[in-house]
Amino acid sequence: MSQGIVSIRFLGDADLNHFIIEGSLRQERVLDFMLAVDAGLPGRPDPDVLAIAARFDRVLVSHDDRTMPVHFARFLRDGNRSPGVLLISQSVRVSQCALQLIPYF
């Protein structure tokens, strides 16, 4: 990585459409996107998912716009640190999501 260039490391939530990850990686092969299964996320409650993403120093990418914002606010209020959460609407086309994630790289 060149000096001065920041690469954001993503972690896909268990509910994230896997085609978004595949499409993003197809557009930019060096994109750093960890899969939920590799991080042990499936079946874990939101607070655990946030803690795992923070431990891996990754931005959590999720479709869970109903409960994740509440848990994330509580996570930060409790003094935890996190690179962030990126929420993607389920109604957005997969190809559009993949292309929008690339600029973050």
C-alpha atoms as a PDB file:
ATOM      1  CA  MET A   1       0.000   0.000   0.000  1.00  0.00           C
ATOM      2  CA  SER A   2       1.351   3.423  -0.921  1.00  0.00           C
ATOM      3  CA  GLN A   3       2.049   5.940   1.786  1.00  0.00           C
ATOM      4  CA  GLY A   4      -0.914   8.251   2.325  1.00  0.00           C
ATOM      5  CA  ILE A   5      -3.470   5.812   0.909  1.00  0.00           C
ATOM      6  CA  VAL A   6      -5.980   4.472   3.396  1.00  0.00           C
ATOM      7  CA  SER A   7      -7.610   1.134   2.754  1.00  0.00           C
ATOM      8  CA  ILE A   8     -10.842   0.403   4.573  1.00  0.00           C
ATOM      9  CA  ARG A   9     -11.273  -3.157   5.742  1.00  0.00           C
ATOM     10  CA  PHE A  10     -14.837  -4.465   5.513  1.00  0.00           C
ATOM     11  CA  LEU A  11     -16.648  -7.280   7.296  1.00  0.00           C
ATOM     12  CA  GLY A  12     -19.882  -8.508   5.736  1.00  0.00           C
ATOM     13  CA  ASP A  13     -22.645  -9.197   8.247  1.00  0.00           C
ATOM     14  CA  ALA A  14     -24.327 -12.603   8.093  1.00  0.00           C
ATOM     15  CA  ASP A  15     -27.424 -10.958   6.562  1.00  0.00           C
ATOM     16  CA  LEU A  16     -25.477  -9.177   3.809  1.00  0.00           C
ATOM     17  CA  ASN A  17     -26.341 -10.303   0.286  1.00  0.00           C
ATOM     18  CA  HIS A  18     -23.262 -12.290  -0.790  1.00  0.00           C
ATOM     19  CA  PHE A  19     -23.632 -10.966  -4.340  1.00  0.00           C
ATOM     20  CA  ILE A  20     -22.639  -7.515  -3.046  1.00  0.00           C
ATOM     21  CA  ILE A  21     -19.367  -8.916  -1.767  1.00  0.00           C
ATOM     22  CA  GLU A  22     -18.773 -10.938  -4.933  1.00  0.00           C
ATOM     23  CA  GLY A  23     -19.563  -7.963  -7.161  1.00  0.00           C
ATOM     24  CA  SER A  24     -17.289  -5.675  -5.167  1.00  0.00           C
ATOM     25  CA  LEU A  25     -14.417  -8.147  -5.326  1.00  0.00           C
ATOM     26  CA  ARG A  26     -14.993  -8.655  -9.048  1.00  0.00           C
ATOM     27  CA  GLN A  27     -14.633  -4.895  -9.595  1.00  0.00           C
ATOM     28  CA  GLU A  28     -11.629  -4.524  -7.284  1.00  0.00           C
ATOM     29  CA  ARG A  29      -9.817  -7.757  -6.458  1.00  0.00           C
ATOM     30  CA  VAL A  30      -7.627  -6.258  -3.752  1.00  0.00           C
ATOM     31  CA  LEU A  31     -10.620  -5.013  -1.775  1.00  0.00           C
ATOM     32  CA  ASP A  32     -10.290  -6.254   1.813  1.00  0.00           C
ATOM     33  CA  PHE A  33     -13.675  -7.855   2.520  1.00  0.00           C
ATOM     34  CA  MET A  34     -13.935 -10.519   5.224  1.00  0.00           C
ATOM     35  CA  LEU A  35     -16.892 -12.907   5.095  1.00  0.00           C
ATOM     36  CA  ALA A  36     -19.261 -13.367   8.031  1.00  0.00           C
ATOM     37  CA  VAL A  37     -18.577 -17.091   8.214  1.00  0.00           C
ATOM     38  CA  ASP A  38     -14.813 -16.458   8.464  1.00  0.00           C
ATOM     39  CA  ALA A  39     -15.404 -14.158  11.429  1.00  0.00           C
ATOM     40  CA  GLY A  40     -17.882 -16.518  13.136  1.00  0.00           C
ATOM     41  CA  LEU A  41     -20.828 -14.120  12.803  1.00  0.00           C
ATOM     42  CA  PRO A  42     -23.718 -16.393  11.756  1.00  0.00           C
ATOM     43  CA  GLY A  43     -26.202 -16.769  14.592  1.00  0.00           C
ATOM     44  CA  ARG A  44     -24.527 -14.136  16.791  1.00  0.00           C
ATOM     45  CA  PRO A  45     -26.555 -11.243  18.256  1.00  0.00           C
ATOM     46  CA  ASP A  46     -25.852  -7.700  17.057  1.00  0.00           C
ATOM     47  CA  PRO A  47     -23.771  -6.644  20.096  1.00  0.00           C
ATOM     48  CA  ASP A  48     -21.446  -9.620  19.548  1.00  0.00           C
ATOM     49  CA  VAL A  49     -21.221  -8.880  15.815  1.00  0.00           C
ATOM     50  CA  LEU A  50     -20.192  -5.294  16.558  1.00  0.00           C
ATOM     51  CA  ALA A  51     -17.559  -6.438  19.065  1.00  0.00           C
ATOM     52  CA  ILE A  52     -16.123  -8.934  16.578  1.00  0.00           C
ATOM     53  CA  ALA A  53     -15.990  -6.326  13.793  1.00  0.00           C
ATOM     54  CA  ALA A  54     -14.224  -3.913  16.165  1.00  0.00           C
ATOM     55  CA  ARG A  55     -11.775  -6.606  17.250  1.00  0.00           C
ATOM     56  CA  PHE A  56     -10.906  -7.236  13.595  1.00  0.00           C
ATOM     57  CA  ASP A  57     -10.736  -3.443  13.033  1.00  0.00           C
ATOM     58  CA  ARG A  58     -13.255  -3.667  10.183  1.00  0.00           C
ATOM     59  CA  VAL A  59     -16.238  -1.616   9.070  1.00  0.00           C
ATOM     60  CA  LEU A  60     -19.312  -3.808   9.415  1.00  0.00           C
ATOM     61  CA  VAL A  61     -21.443  -3.855   6.240  1.00  0.00           C
ATOM     62  CA  SER A  62     -25.034  -4.877   6.911  1.00  0.00           C
ATOM     63  CA  HIS A  63     -28.610  -4.679   5.677  1.00  0.00           C
ATOM     64  CA  ASP A  64     -29.900  -4.549   9.273  1.00  0.00           C
ATOM     65  CA  ASP A  65     -31.138  -0.964   9.380  1.00  0.00           C
ATOM     66  CA  ARG A  66     -33.801  -1.840  11.944  1.00  0.00           C
ATOM     67  CA  THR A  67     -31.780  -2.933  14.981  1.00  0.00           C
ATOM     68  CA  MET A  68     -28.097  -2.373  14.149  1.00  0.00           C
ATOM     69  CA  PRO A  69     -28.155   1.452  14.581  1.00  0.00           C
ATOM     70  CA  VAL A  70     -29.571   1.067  18.100  1.00  0.00           C
ATOM     71  CA  HIS A  71     -26.977  -1.542  19.047  1.00  0.00           C
ATOM     72  CA  PHE A  72     -24.179   0.471  17.451  1.00  0.00           C
ATOM     73  CA  ALA A  73     -25.136   3.615  19.390  1.00  0.00           C
ATOM     74  CA  ARG A  74     -25.175   1.586  22.619  1.00  0.00           C
ATOM     75  CA  PHE A  75     -21.838  -0.033  21.692  1.00  0.00           C
ATOM     76  CA  LEU A  76     -20.208   3.395  21.320  1.00  0.00           C
ATOM     77  CA  ARG A  77     -21.968   4.861  24.352  1.00  0.00           C
ATOM     78  CA  ASP A  78     -20.515   2.024  26.436  1.00  0.00           C
ATOM     79  CA  GLY A  79     -17.037   3.281  25.548  1.00  0.00           C
ATOM     80  CA  ASN A  80     -16.191   0.827  22.776  1.00  0.00           C
ATOM     81  CA  ARG A  81     -14.339   1.868  19.634  1.00  0.00           C
ATOM     82  CA  SER A  82     -15.265   0.838  16.109  1.00  0.00           C
ATOM     83  CA  PRO A  83     -14.213   1.720  12.557  1.00  0.00           C
ATOM     84  CA  GLY A  84     -17.946   2.023  11.829  1.00  0.00           C
ATOM     85  CA  VAL A  85     -21.017   0.431  10.337  1.00  0.00           C
ATOM     86  CA  LEU A  86     -22.145   0.815   6.743  1.00  0.00           C
ATOM     87  CA  LEU A  87     -25.839   0.072   6.238  1.00  0.00           C
ATOM     88  CA  ILE A  88     -27.034  -0.859   2.763  1.00  0.00           C
ATOM     89  CA  SER A  89     -30.728  -0.843   1.957  1.00  0.00           C
ATOM     90  CA  GLN A  90     -32.147  -4.141   0.708  1.00  0.00           C
ATOM     91  CA  SER A  91     -33.882  -2.177  -2.062  1.00  0.00           C
ATOM     92  CA  VAL A  92     -30.634  -0.980  -3.664  1.00  0.00           C
ATOM     93  CA  ARG A  93     -29.513  -2.953  -6.717  1.00  0.00           C
ATOM     94  CA  VAL A  94     -26.569  -5.276  -6.067  1.00  0.00           C
ATOM     95  CA  SER A  95     -24.520  -3.832  -8.938  1.00  0.00           C
ATOM     96  CA  GLN A  96     -24.997  -0.319  -7.567  1.00  0.00           C
ATOM     97  CA  CYS A  97     -23.851  -1.400  -4.078  1.00  0.00           C
ATOM     98  CA  ALA A  98     -20.726  -3.068  -5.416  1.00  0.00           C
ATOM     99  CA  LEU A  99     -19.726   0.013  -7.367  1.00  0.00           C
ATOM    100  CA  GLN A 100     -20.404   2.304  -4.409  1.00  0.00           C
ATOM    101  CA  LEU A 101     -18.135   0.319  -2.096  1.00  0.00           C
ATOM    102  CA  ILE A 102     -15.145   0.657  -4.433  1.00  0.00           C
ATOM    103  CA  PRO A 103     -14.530   4.375  -3.698  1.00  0.00           C
ATOM    104  CA  TYR A 104     -14.063   3.457  -0.025  1.00  0.00           C
ATOM    105  CA  PHE A 105     -11.073   1.378  -1.070  1.00  0.00           C
END
